N, C-alpha and C. Protein backbone atom coordinates (compact mmCIF):
# COMPACT_ATOMS: atom_id res chain seq x y z
N UNK A 1 33.50 -12.60 -20.09
CA UNK A 1 32.50 -11.73 -19.86
C UNK A 1 31.55 -12.50 -18.88
N UNK A 2 31.26 -11.78 -17.77
CA UNK A 2 30.37 -12.32 -16.74
C UNK A 2 29.01 -12.50 -17.35
N UNK A 3 28.13 -13.25 -16.54
CA UNK A 3 26.80 -13.53 -16.73
C UNK A 3 25.86 -12.21 -16.91
N UNK A 4 26.28 -11.31 -15.99
CA UNK A 4 25.42 -9.97 -15.96
C UNK A 4 25.84 -9.19 -17.13
N UNK A 5 27.18 -9.16 -17.32
CA UNK A 5 27.53 -8.39 -18.65
C UNK A 5 26.93 -8.95 -19.96
N UNK A 6 26.91 -10.23 -20.09
CA UNK A 6 26.15 -10.79 -21.43
C UNK A 6 24.80 -10.52 -21.35
N UNK A 7 24.04 -10.53 -20.13
CA UNK A 7 22.63 -9.77 -20.15
C UNK A 7 22.54 -8.35 -20.41
N UNK A 8 23.43 -7.74 -20.05
CA UNK A 8 23.51 -6.23 -20.58
C UNK A 8 23.76 -6.09 -22.06
N UNK A 9 24.69 -6.91 -22.50
CA UNK A 9 25.08 -6.81 -23.97
C UNK A 9 23.70 -7.21 -24.87
N UNK A 10 22.90 -8.17 -24.22
CA UNK A 10 21.80 -8.59 -25.02
C UNK A 10 20.74 -7.36 -25.00
N UNK A 11 20.60 -6.66 -23.82
CA UNK A 11 19.78 -5.41 -24.03
C UNK A 11 20.20 -4.49 -25.05
N UNK A 12 21.50 -4.30 -25.17
CA UNK A 12 22.14 -3.27 -25.96
C UNK A 12 22.03 -3.66 -27.37
N UNK A 13 21.89 -5.07 -27.88
CA UNK A 13 22.01 -5.47 -29.24
C UNK A 13 20.45 -5.83 -29.50
N UNK A 14 19.56 -5.63 -28.61
CA UNK A 14 18.23 -6.10 -29.17
C UNK A 14 17.92 -5.43 -30.38
N UNK A 15 17.21 -5.98 -31.42
CA UNK A 15 16.87 -5.46 -32.59
C UNK A 15 15.48 -5.27 -32.92
N UNK A 16 14.71 -5.64 -31.86
CA UNK A 16 13.22 -5.54 -32.07
C UNK A 16 12.49 -5.22 -30.76
N UNK A 17 11.21 -4.64 -30.63
CA UNK A 17 10.57 -4.43 -29.60
C UNK A 17 10.47 -5.78 -28.32
N UNK A 18 10.01 -6.87 -29.11
CA UNK A 18 9.86 -8.08 -28.37
C UNK A 18 11.29 -8.49 -27.88
N UNK A 19 12.33 -8.44 -28.65
CA UNK A 19 13.63 -8.83 -28.23
C UNK A 19 14.11 -7.98 -27.12
N UNK A 20 13.92 -6.67 -27.10
CA UNK A 20 14.24 -5.72 -26.10
C UNK A 20 13.47 -6.08 -24.91
N UNK A 21 12.15 -6.34 -24.88
CA UNK A 21 11.55 -6.67 -23.67
C UNK A 21 11.99 -8.03 -23.21
N UNK A 22 12.22 -9.11 -23.75
CA UNK A 22 12.73 -10.21 -23.18
C UNK A 22 14.12 -9.86 -22.63
N UNK A 23 14.88 -9.21 -23.23
CA UNK A 23 16.30 -9.00 -22.76
C UNK A 23 16.30 -7.94 -21.51
N UNK A 24 15.37 -7.03 -21.46
CA UNK A 24 14.99 -6.27 -20.06
C UNK A 24 14.63 -7.26 -19.00
N UNK A 25 13.72 -8.01 -19.32
CA UNK A 25 12.97 -8.86 -18.35
C UNK A 25 14.34 -9.87 -17.73
N UNK A 26 14.96 -10.29 -18.63
CA UNK A 26 16.09 -11.26 -18.16
C UNK A 26 17.05 -10.44 -17.27
N UNK A 27 17.33 -9.35 -17.76
CA UNK A 27 18.33 -8.46 -16.83
C UNK A 27 17.63 -8.03 -15.53
N UNK A 28 16.56 -7.56 -15.48
CA UNK A 28 15.74 -7.23 -14.31
C UNK A 28 15.74 -8.27 -13.36
N UNK A 29 15.38 -9.40 -13.76
CA UNK A 29 15.09 -10.47 -12.96
C UNK A 29 16.38 -10.90 -12.06
N UNK A 30 17.56 -10.58 -12.45
CA UNK A 30 18.80 -10.91 -11.75
C UNK A 30 18.73 -9.94 -10.61
N UNK A 31 18.36 -8.89 -10.58
CA UNK A 31 18.51 -7.97 -9.40
C UNK A 31 19.83 -7.41 -9.04
N UNK A 32 20.75 -7.25 -9.86
CA UNK A 32 22.19 -6.88 -9.82
C UNK A 32 22.15 -5.51 -9.84
N UNK A 33 23.05 -4.93 -9.02
CA UNK A 33 23.31 -3.48 -8.96
C UNK A 33 24.01 -3.01 -10.27
N UNK A 34 24.76 -3.78 -10.73
CA UNK A 34 25.46 -3.80 -12.07
C UNK A 34 24.42 -3.12 -13.10
N UNK A 35 23.18 -3.76 -12.96
CA UNK A 35 22.35 -3.46 -14.03
C UNK A 35 21.83 -2.18 -13.98
N UNK A 36 21.88 -1.40 -12.96
CA UNK A 36 21.18 -0.05 -12.68
C UNK A 36 21.33 0.80 -13.82
N UNK A 37 22.58 1.14 -14.28
CA UNK A 37 22.57 2.14 -15.43
C UNK A 37 21.88 1.56 -16.79
N UNK A 38 21.85 0.61 -17.05
CA UNK A 38 21.17 -0.14 -18.20
C UNK A 38 19.72 -0.15 -17.98
N UNK A 39 19.16 -0.36 -16.97
CA UNK A 39 17.94 -0.40 -16.38
C UNK A 39 17.38 0.95 -16.74
N UNK A 40 18.06 1.84 -16.23
CA UNK A 40 17.59 3.36 -16.20
C UNK A 40 17.67 3.93 -17.43
N UNK A 41 18.49 3.48 -18.36
CA UNK A 41 18.53 3.93 -19.92
C UNK A 41 17.35 3.51 -20.58
N UNK A 42 16.82 2.16 -20.10
CA UNK A 42 15.52 1.66 -20.83
C UNK A 42 14.36 2.48 -20.50
N UNK A 43 14.24 3.24 -19.41
CA UNK A 43 13.26 3.87 -19.18
C UNK A 43 12.93 5.01 -19.99
N UNK A 44 13.92 5.50 -20.93
CA UNK A 44 13.77 6.45 -21.79
C UNK A 44 13.39 5.90 -23.31
N UNK A 45 13.40 4.59 -23.35
CA UNK A 45 12.97 4.07 -24.75
C UNK A 45 11.63 4.11 -24.86
N UNK A 46 11.16 4.04 -26.10
CA UNK A 46 9.73 4.24 -26.43
C UNK A 46 9.21 2.68 -26.48
N UNK A 47 9.17 1.95 -25.27
CA UNK A 47 9.06 0.65 -25.27
C UNK A 47 8.27 0.44 -23.89
N UNK A 48 7.04 0.61 -23.85
CA UNK A 48 6.25 0.51 -22.39
C UNK A 48 6.61 -0.72 -21.74
N UNK A 49 6.53 -1.93 -22.47
CA UNK A 49 6.71 -3.22 -21.93
C UNK A 49 8.10 -3.32 -21.24
N UNK A 50 9.01 -2.73 -22.03
CA UNK A 50 10.56 -2.88 -21.30
C UNK A 50 10.62 -1.93 -20.32
N UNK A 51 9.99 -0.65 -20.43
CA UNK A 51 10.02 0.33 -19.19
C UNK A 51 9.21 -0.46 -17.89
N UNK A 52 8.23 -1.17 -18.02
CA UNK A 52 7.75 -1.76 -17.02
C UNK A 52 8.56 -2.79 -16.29
N UNK A 53 9.30 -3.63 -17.13
CA UNK A 53 10.25 -4.52 -16.76
C UNK A 53 11.47 -3.91 -15.85
N UNK A 54 11.87 -2.79 -16.54
CA UNK A 54 13.03 -2.14 -16.03
C UNK A 54 12.64 -1.53 -14.59
N UNK A 55 11.37 -0.86 -14.58
CA UNK A 55 10.91 -0.53 -13.21
C UNK A 55 10.95 -1.41 -12.20
N UNK A 56 10.38 -2.72 -12.54
CA UNK A 56 10.33 -3.85 -11.75
C UNK A 56 11.78 -4.28 -11.25
N UNK A 57 12.69 -4.35 -12.18
CA UNK A 57 13.87 -4.70 -11.91
C UNK A 57 14.74 -3.59 -10.90
N UNK A 58 14.44 -2.25 -11.00
CA UNK A 58 14.92 -1.23 -10.05
C UNK A 58 14.42 -1.35 -8.76
N UNK A 59 12.89 -1.58 -8.84
CA UNK A 59 12.35 -1.86 -7.46
C UNK A 59 12.96 -3.04 -6.65
N UNK A 60 13.43 -4.05 -7.34
CA UNK A 60 14.01 -5.30 -6.82
C UNK A 60 15.30 -5.04 -6.35
N UNK A 61 15.89 -4.24 -6.97
CA UNK A 61 17.23 -3.75 -6.46
C UNK A 61 17.22 -2.82 -5.33
N UNK A 62 16.24 -1.89 -5.30
CA UNK A 62 15.89 -1.41 -4.19
C UNK A 62 16.65 -0.04 -3.78
N UNK A 63 17.23 0.23 -2.62
CA UNK A 63 17.75 1.41 -2.20
C UNK A 63 19.11 1.83 -2.89
N UNK A 64 19.84 0.91 -3.40
CA UNK A 64 21.18 1.31 -4.26
C UNK A 64 20.66 1.98 -5.45
N UNK A 65 19.36 1.54 -6.05
CA UNK A 65 19.17 2.30 -7.35
C UNK A 65 18.89 3.76 -7.00
N UNK A 66 18.50 4.17 -5.96
CA UNK A 66 17.91 5.53 -5.79
C UNK A 66 18.87 6.65 -6.05
N UNK A 67 20.20 6.64 -5.73
CA UNK A 67 21.09 7.66 -6.16
C UNK A 67 21.21 7.85 -7.65
N UNK A 68 21.29 6.72 -8.27
CA UNK A 68 21.38 6.65 -9.81
C UNK A 68 20.11 7.36 -10.39
N UNK A 69 19.03 6.83 -9.87
CA UNK A 69 17.67 7.47 -10.49
C UNK A 69 17.62 9.00 -10.29
N UNK A 70 18.19 9.39 -9.19
CA UNK A 70 18.10 10.85 -8.67
C UNK A 70 19.14 11.69 -9.89
N UNK A 71 20.33 10.89 -9.89
CA UNK A 71 21.17 11.66 -10.76
C UNK A 71 20.85 11.74 -12.26
N UNK A 72 19.96 10.73 -12.79
CA UNK A 72 19.62 10.61 -14.04
C UNK A 72 18.38 11.16 -14.49
N UNK A 73 17.53 11.85 -13.50
CA UNK A 73 16.24 12.15 -13.53
C UNK A 73 16.29 13.26 -15.09
N UNK A 74 15.38 12.80 -16.01
CA UNK A 74 15.18 13.42 -17.12
C UNK A 74 14.13 14.54 -17.06
N UNK A 75 14.42 15.86 -17.18
CA UNK A 75 13.43 16.77 -16.99
C UNK A 75 12.69 17.01 -18.19
N UNK A 76 13.12 16.62 -19.36
CA UNK A 76 12.55 16.90 -20.81
C UNK A 76 11.86 15.65 -21.22
N UNK A 77 12.20 14.48 -20.93
CA UNK A 77 11.51 13.22 -21.33
C UNK A 77 10.45 12.94 -20.34
N UNK A 78 9.19 13.19 -20.49
CA UNK A 78 8.00 13.26 -19.46
C UNK A 78 7.89 11.65 -19.27
N UNK A 79 8.02 10.76 -20.35
CA UNK A 79 7.79 9.40 -20.29
C UNK A 79 8.85 8.85 -19.42
N UNK A 80 10.21 9.05 -19.49
CA UNK A 80 11.18 8.59 -18.67
C UNK A 80 10.86 9.04 -17.23
N UNK A 81 10.49 10.18 -17.23
CA UNK A 81 10.47 10.84 -15.90
C UNK A 81 9.30 10.06 -15.33
N UNK A 82 8.20 9.78 -15.86
CA UNK A 82 7.11 8.98 -15.28
C UNK A 82 7.43 7.76 -14.78
N UNK A 83 8.26 7.04 -15.60
CA UNK A 83 8.80 5.50 -15.25
C UNK A 83 9.69 5.80 -14.09
N UNK A 84 10.55 6.82 -13.97
CA UNK A 84 11.37 6.94 -12.69
C UNK A 84 10.71 7.21 -11.61
N UNK A 85 9.70 8.11 -11.70
CA UNK A 85 8.75 8.28 -10.47
C UNK A 85 7.92 7.07 -9.95
N UNK A 86 7.65 6.14 -10.96
CA UNK A 86 7.15 4.71 -10.44
C UNK A 86 8.05 4.01 -9.81
N UNK A 87 9.31 4.05 -10.33
CA UNK A 87 10.53 3.44 -9.66
C UNK A 87 10.59 3.90 -8.01
N UNK A 88 10.61 5.22 -8.17
CA UNK A 88 10.82 5.74 -6.67
C UNK A 88 9.58 5.33 -5.81
N UNK A 89 8.48 5.33 -6.37
CA UNK A 89 7.34 5.01 -5.41
C UNK A 89 7.40 3.59 -5.19
N UNK A 90 7.74 2.48 -5.92
CA UNK A 90 7.85 1.15 -5.60
C UNK A 90 8.94 0.98 -4.48
N UNK A 91 9.88 1.79 -4.70
CA UNK A 91 11.13 1.51 -3.67
C UNK A 91 10.68 2.00 -2.22
N UNK A 92 10.05 3.29 -2.35
CA UNK A 92 9.60 3.89 -1.13
C UNK A 92 10.68 4.52 -0.39
N UNK A 93 11.94 4.97 -0.83
CA UNK A 93 12.94 5.38 -0.04
C UNK A 93 12.76 6.95 0.13
N UNK A 94 12.66 7.50 1.41
CA UNK A 94 12.34 8.94 1.52
C UNK A 94 13.44 9.91 0.90
N UNK A 95 14.41 9.28 0.34
CA UNK A 95 15.46 10.32 -0.30
C UNK A 95 14.87 10.87 -1.37
N UNK A 96 13.67 10.25 -2.08
CA UNK A 96 13.04 10.85 -3.25
C UNK A 96 11.72 11.60 -2.66
N UNK A 97 11.64 11.75 -1.41
CA UNK A 97 10.22 12.34 -0.92
C UNK A 97 10.14 13.74 -1.54
N UNK A 98 11.09 14.66 -1.55
CA UNK A 98 11.02 16.07 -2.14
C UNK A 98 10.45 15.91 -3.62
N UNK A 99 11.19 15.12 -4.29
CA UNK A 99 10.91 14.95 -5.63
C UNK A 99 9.32 14.48 -5.92
N UNK A 100 8.94 13.50 -5.05
CA UNK A 100 7.49 12.93 -5.14
C UNK A 100 6.56 14.18 -4.85
N UNK A 101 6.84 14.99 -3.76
CA UNK A 101 5.88 16.05 -3.29
C UNK A 101 5.78 17.04 -4.49
N UNK A 102 6.83 17.43 -4.98
CA UNK A 102 6.70 18.41 -5.99
C UNK A 102 5.92 17.71 -7.25
N UNK A 103 6.40 16.59 -7.78
CA UNK A 103 5.77 16.05 -8.95
C UNK A 103 4.29 15.82 -8.71
N UNK A 104 3.82 15.45 -7.68
CA UNK A 104 2.46 14.90 -7.33
C UNK A 104 1.46 16.15 -7.73
N UNK A 105 1.82 17.52 -7.61
CA UNK A 105 1.00 18.59 -7.75
C UNK A 105 1.53 19.51 -8.93
N UNK A 106 2.85 19.47 -9.30
CA UNK A 106 3.29 20.48 -10.10
C UNK A 106 3.53 19.93 -11.52
N UNK A 107 3.98 18.77 -11.64
CA UNK A 107 4.42 18.30 -13.05
C UNK A 107 3.23 18.29 -14.03
N UNK A 108 3.70 18.67 -15.27
CA UNK A 108 2.44 18.95 -16.15
C UNK A 108 2.06 17.60 -16.79
N UNK A 109 2.74 16.42 -16.47
CA UNK A 109 2.08 15.08 -16.97
C UNK A 109 1.41 14.64 -16.04
N UNK A 110 0.25 14.02 -16.39
CA UNK A 110 -0.73 13.28 -15.56
C UNK A 110 -0.14 12.11 -15.17
N UNK A 111 0.54 11.49 -16.05
CA UNK A 111 1.00 10.08 -15.50
C UNK A 111 2.24 10.38 -14.43
N UNK A 112 2.89 11.38 -14.42
CA UNK A 112 3.73 11.70 -13.49
C UNK A 112 3.27 12.17 -11.97
N UNK A 113 2.22 12.86 -12.30
CA UNK A 113 1.53 13.27 -11.07
C UNK A 113 0.74 12.00 -10.36
N UNK A 114 0.21 11.02 -11.23
CA UNK A 114 -0.53 9.93 -10.87
C UNK A 114 0.51 9.03 -9.92
N UNK A 115 1.79 8.85 -10.85
CA UNK A 115 2.62 7.97 -10.05
C UNK A 115 3.32 8.57 -8.78
N UNK A 116 3.42 9.94 -8.64
CA UNK A 116 4.04 10.45 -7.42
C UNK A 116 2.91 10.39 -6.21
N UNK A 117 1.75 10.73 -6.61
CA UNK A 117 0.56 10.51 -5.59
C UNK A 117 0.56 9.29 -5.00
N UNK A 118 0.59 8.20 -5.78
CA UNK A 118 0.32 6.81 -5.23
C UNK A 118 1.70 6.53 -4.44
N UNK A 119 2.78 6.96 -4.94
CA UNK A 119 4.10 6.70 -4.11
C UNK A 119 4.05 7.31 -2.82
N UNK A 120 3.54 8.45 -2.88
CA UNK A 120 3.57 9.27 -1.62
C UNK A 120 2.93 8.46 -0.24
N UNK A 121 1.97 7.60 -0.63
CA UNK A 121 1.24 6.70 0.31
C UNK A 121 2.14 5.56 0.89
N UNK A 122 3.33 5.33 0.10
CA UNK A 122 3.97 4.15 0.54
C UNK A 122 5.48 4.24 0.88
N UNK A 123 5.67 5.61 1.40
CA UNK A 123 7.19 5.84 1.85
C UNK A 123 7.48 4.94 3.21
N UNK A 124 8.70 4.65 3.11
CA UNK A 124 9.17 3.89 4.28
C UNK A 124 9.67 4.65 5.35
N UNK A 125 8.83 5.11 6.05
CA UNK A 125 9.23 6.01 7.10
C UNK A 125 10.27 5.76 8.14
N UNK A 126 10.40 4.24 8.43
CA UNK A 126 11.36 3.84 9.27
C UNK A 126 12.72 4.44 8.85
N UNK A 127 13.05 4.78 7.46
CA UNK A 127 14.20 5.05 6.85
C UNK A 127 14.56 6.46 7.26
N UNK A 128 13.56 7.46 7.69
CA UNK A 128 13.81 8.66 8.01
C UNK A 128 14.27 8.77 9.41
N UNK A 129 15.09 9.80 10.01
CA UNK A 129 15.24 10.11 11.31
C UNK A 129 13.88 10.24 12.11
N UNK A 130 13.86 9.86 13.37
CA UNK A 130 12.39 9.70 14.04
C UNK A 130 11.93 11.24 14.15
N UNK A 131 12.96 12.20 14.38
CA UNK A 131 12.45 13.44 14.72
C UNK A 131 11.96 14.14 13.32
N UNK A 132 12.15 13.58 12.23
CA UNK A 132 11.69 14.27 10.94
C UNK A 132 10.42 13.65 10.37
N UNK A 133 9.82 12.41 11.23
CA UNK A 133 8.95 11.72 10.50
C UNK A 133 7.63 12.43 10.58
N UNK A 134 7.28 13.10 11.72
CA UNK A 134 5.89 13.82 11.98
C UNK A 134 5.63 14.89 10.68
N UNK A 135 6.89 15.82 10.80
CA UNK A 135 6.67 16.82 9.81
C UNK A 135 6.50 16.35 8.42
N UNK A 136 7.31 15.40 8.07
CA UNK A 136 7.24 14.86 6.64
C UNK A 136 5.89 14.21 6.32
N UNK A 137 5.40 13.45 7.23
CA UNK A 137 3.90 13.03 7.01
C UNK A 137 2.99 14.06 7.05
N UNK A 138 3.03 14.98 7.67
CA UNK A 138 2.17 16.35 7.60
C UNK A 138 2.15 16.90 6.13
N UNK A 139 3.46 16.88 5.70
CA UNK A 139 3.58 17.35 4.34
C UNK A 139 3.02 16.62 3.37
N UNK A 140 3.20 15.40 3.56
CA UNK A 140 2.63 14.36 2.45
C UNK A 140 1.21 14.34 2.52
N UNK A 141 0.60 14.42 3.79
CA UNK A 141 -0.79 14.75 4.01
C UNK A 141 -1.42 15.81 3.09
N UNK A 142 -0.84 16.98 3.29
CA UNK A 142 -1.36 18.18 2.79
C UNK A 142 -1.20 18.14 1.12
N UNK A 143 -0.11 17.50 0.90
CA UNK A 143 0.28 17.29 -0.69
C UNK A 143 -0.78 16.45 -1.40
N UNK A 144 -1.14 15.25 -0.72
CA UNK A 144 -2.23 14.48 -1.32
C UNK A 144 -3.67 15.11 -1.18
N UNK A 145 -3.91 15.97 -0.28
CA UNK A 145 -5.28 16.54 -0.21
C UNK A 145 -5.27 17.45 -1.34
N UNK A 146 -4.09 18.10 -1.73
CA UNK A 146 -4.22 18.89 -3.02
C UNK A 146 -4.27 18.29 -4.14
N UNK A 147 -3.58 17.10 -4.35
CA UNK A 147 -3.73 15.91 -5.38
C UNK A 147 -5.22 15.66 -5.76
N UNK A 148 -6.11 15.54 -4.47
CA UNK A 148 -7.37 15.10 -4.75
C UNK A 148 -8.22 16.23 -5.57
N UNK A 149 -7.78 17.36 -5.61
CA UNK A 149 -8.37 18.34 -6.62
C UNK A 149 -7.84 18.69 -7.93
N UNK A 150 -7.00 17.53 -8.27
CA UNK A 150 -6.39 17.49 -9.58
C UNK A 150 -7.55 17.50 -10.70
N UNK A 151 -7.25 18.15 -11.90
CA UNK A 151 -8.36 18.12 -12.96
C UNK A 151 -8.37 16.86 -13.67
N UNK A 152 -7.44 16.05 -13.55
CA UNK A 152 -7.54 14.52 -14.14
C UNK A 152 -7.82 13.45 -13.11
N UNK A 153 -9.03 12.83 -13.51
CA UNK A 153 -9.49 11.69 -12.52
C UNK A 153 -8.67 10.72 -12.00
N UNK A 154 -7.63 10.39 -12.94
CA UNK A 154 -6.63 9.24 -12.66
C UNK A 154 -5.81 9.70 -11.57
N UNK A 155 -5.55 11.06 -11.46
CA UNK A 155 -4.49 11.57 -10.41
C UNK A 155 -5.28 11.64 -9.25
N UNK A 156 -6.52 12.18 -9.19
CA UNK A 156 -7.30 12.04 -7.99
C UNK A 156 -7.46 10.71 -7.26
N UNK A 157 -7.63 9.69 -8.26
CA UNK A 157 -7.65 8.36 -7.87
C UNK A 157 -6.46 7.86 -6.94
N UNK A 158 -5.42 8.01 -7.70
CA UNK A 158 -4.25 7.76 -7.04
C UNK A 158 -3.86 8.53 -5.80
N UNK A 159 -4.28 9.73 -5.63
CA UNK A 159 -4.18 10.42 -4.35
C UNK A 159 -5.05 9.84 -3.23
N UNK A 160 -6.28 9.47 -3.55
CA UNK A 160 -7.01 8.63 -2.76
C UNK A 160 -6.31 7.38 -2.38
N UNK A 161 -5.81 6.54 -3.21
CA UNK A 161 -4.96 5.29 -3.01
C UNK A 161 -4.00 5.73 -2.03
N UNK A 162 -3.23 6.89 -2.50
CA UNK A 162 -2.23 7.30 -1.55
C UNK A 162 -2.56 7.55 0.02
N UNK A 163 -3.59 8.41 0.03
CA UNK A 163 -4.17 8.62 1.43
C UNK A 163 -4.45 7.38 2.17
N UNK A 164 -5.13 6.24 1.43
CA UNK A 164 -5.49 5.20 1.98
C UNK A 164 -4.09 4.50 2.72
N UNK A 165 -3.30 4.24 1.77
CA UNK A 165 -2.05 3.78 2.37
C UNK A 165 -1.53 4.39 3.33
N UNK A 166 -1.41 5.87 3.24
CA UNK A 166 -0.85 6.59 4.23
C UNK A 166 -1.55 6.34 5.39
N UNK A 167 -2.83 6.32 5.46
CA UNK A 167 -3.56 6.09 6.70
C UNK A 167 -3.32 4.85 7.33
N UNK A 168 -2.67 3.77 6.84
CA UNK A 168 -2.24 2.72 7.41
C UNK A 168 -1.04 2.76 8.10
N UNK A 169 -0.15 3.81 7.95
CA UNK A 169 1.06 3.92 8.47
C UNK A 169 1.54 5.03 9.20
N UNK A 170 0.48 5.98 9.64
CA UNK A 170 0.67 7.16 10.32
C UNK A 170 -0.09 7.11 11.67
N UNK A 171 0.30 8.20 12.46
CA UNK A 171 -0.62 8.05 13.87
C UNK A 171 -2.16 8.31 13.60
N UNK A 172 -2.71 7.80 14.47
CA UNK A 172 -4.31 7.90 14.45
C UNK A 172 -4.73 9.36 14.56
N UNK A 173 -3.98 10.32 14.98
CA UNK A 173 -4.29 11.82 15.01
C UNK A 173 -4.53 12.33 13.60
N UNK A 174 -4.03 11.53 12.54
CA UNK A 174 -3.97 12.07 11.12
C UNK A 174 -5.29 11.43 10.59
N UNK A 175 -5.82 10.26 11.13
CA UNK A 175 -6.93 9.59 10.37
C UNK A 175 -8.12 10.33 10.38
N UNK A 176 -8.42 11.24 11.45
CA UNK A 176 -9.64 11.96 11.19
C UNK A 176 -9.79 12.81 10.36
N UNK A 177 -8.56 13.48 10.10
CA UNK A 177 -8.32 14.69 8.89
C UNK A 177 -8.69 13.85 7.51
N UNK A 178 -8.03 12.67 7.38
CA UNK A 178 -8.36 11.94 6.14
C UNK A 178 -9.48 11.41 5.99
N UNK A 179 -10.38 11.09 7.16
CA UNK A 179 -11.76 10.36 7.00
C UNK A 179 -12.43 11.77 6.56
N UNK A 180 -12.07 12.77 7.32
CA UNK A 180 -13.20 14.07 7.01
C UNK A 180 -12.95 14.43 5.55
N UNK A 181 -11.84 14.60 5.04
CA UNK A 181 -11.42 14.73 3.58
C UNK A 181 -12.24 13.72 2.61
N UNK A 182 -12.27 12.56 2.87
CA UNK A 182 -12.97 11.59 2.25
C UNK A 182 -14.53 11.88 2.25
N UNK A 183 -14.99 12.29 3.26
CA UNK A 183 -16.45 12.40 3.16
C UNK A 183 -16.79 13.50 2.51
N UNK A 184 -15.83 14.62 2.60
CA UNK A 184 -16.05 15.92 1.78
C UNK A 184 -15.94 15.53 0.23
N UNK A 185 -14.91 14.62 -0.21
CA UNK A 185 -14.89 14.21 -1.52
C UNK A 185 -16.09 13.49 -1.93
N UNK A 186 -16.67 12.76 -1.31
CA UNK A 186 -17.82 12.02 -1.71
C UNK A 186 -18.88 12.89 -2.26
N UNK A 187 -18.88 14.07 -1.72
CA UNK A 187 -20.01 14.84 -2.04
C UNK A 187 -19.63 15.92 -3.18
N UNK A 188 -18.37 15.93 -3.46
CA UNK A 188 -17.94 16.61 -4.60
C UNK A 188 -17.36 15.93 -5.76
N UNK A 189 -17.02 14.70 -5.69
CA UNK A 189 -16.44 13.91 -6.87
C UNK A 189 -17.60 13.45 -7.62
N UNK A 190 -17.19 13.79 -9.12
CA UNK A 190 -18.34 13.46 -10.12
C UNK A 190 -18.03 12.10 -10.77
N UNK A 191 -16.57 11.42 -10.80
CA UNK A 191 -16.27 10.14 -11.40
C UNK A 191 -16.55 9.09 -10.31
N UNK A 192 -17.43 8.31 -10.81
CA UNK A 192 -17.87 7.23 -10.12
C UNK A 192 -16.83 6.24 -9.66
N UNK A 193 -15.72 6.12 -10.41
CA UNK A 193 -14.55 5.15 -10.14
C UNK A 193 -13.78 5.70 -8.81
N UNK A 194 -13.69 7.12 -8.70
CA UNK A 194 -12.87 7.71 -7.77
C UNK A 194 -13.80 7.72 -6.51
N UNK A 195 -15.13 8.00 -6.57
CA UNK A 195 -15.95 7.82 -5.41
C UNK A 195 -16.05 6.49 -4.81
N UNK A 196 -15.98 5.31 -5.81
CA UNK A 196 -15.90 4.05 -5.37
C UNK A 196 -14.63 3.61 -4.61
N UNK A 197 -13.61 4.27 -5.03
CA UNK A 197 -12.26 4.05 -4.21
C UNK A 197 -12.40 4.84 -3.00
N UNK A 198 -13.04 5.99 -2.85
CA UNK A 198 -13.02 6.57 -1.67
C UNK A 198 -13.83 5.72 -0.61
N UNK A 199 -14.98 5.25 -1.12
CA UNK A 199 -15.90 4.31 -0.27
C UNK A 199 -15.08 3.06 0.23
N UNK A 200 -14.43 2.49 -0.69
CA UNK A 200 -13.65 1.46 -0.32
C UNK A 200 -12.51 1.60 0.75
N UNK A 201 -11.99 2.57 0.82
CA UNK A 201 -11.02 3.19 1.79
C UNK A 201 -11.75 3.30 3.16
N UNK A 202 -12.81 3.91 3.21
CA UNK A 202 -13.67 4.12 4.35
C UNK A 202 -14.24 2.88 4.84
N UNK A 203 -14.58 2.03 4.16
CA UNK A 203 -15.05 0.82 4.36
C UNK A 203 -14.23 -0.04 5.27
N UNK A 204 -12.86 -0.09 4.53
CA UNK A 204 -11.84 -1.04 5.12
C UNK A 204 -11.33 -0.41 6.46
N UNK A 205 -11.36 0.84 6.72
CA UNK A 205 -10.97 1.51 7.87
C UNK A 205 -12.07 1.16 8.93
N UNK A 206 -13.49 1.20 8.53
CA UNK A 206 -14.43 0.85 9.65
C UNK A 206 -14.19 -0.46 10.00
N UNK A 207 -13.78 -1.46 9.02
CA UNK A 207 -13.73 -2.94 9.40
C UNK A 207 -12.62 -3.01 10.35
N UNK A 208 -11.41 -2.36 10.11
CA UNK A 208 -10.24 -2.40 10.86
C UNK A 208 -10.12 -1.83 12.11
N UNK A 209 -11.05 -0.88 12.32
CA UNK A 209 -11.01 0.13 13.64
C UNK A 209 -12.22 -0.09 14.29
């Protein structure tokens, strides 16, 4: 039995929440593609700590994990779906772009919408064909604008964070639209923590431009 197989076996044999967390952390730390199916399985367990470790491991593995995540997406288990979206967001592969766009505004779970909105801001645009980048960025921009109107403040906060990150990676012609949206939101937003996040984004842009 190889070392990675032993680590996978430790995950499968864990008989307590703490034991599972430790086993998943050890497996995730290796960053082996062989661990992908096991790490994905952990996303569906009722153990948030282990799920966080699994997400970090999948992000560490990166692109090779994306096809497996897409194939295993659980449409019924919203917890697993939320963790999967977080993994996609951390990896930033545009292969998951359509999924993130839909989830950010349509998923019934606020944790899924939040993760998707945040992830849309950190897509690795260099992985898309150059001729598709502008249209994709425009679609992300409009989706995040919609997400700023979400009924849950944590989703609106994530959308602001997503727009902030997006603004650091897109052409200047989009920045004025984002800045105008932020100014509009400052007048409408009732949650102080969201308003503070908007002000932070605007302040950093003023300093950097």
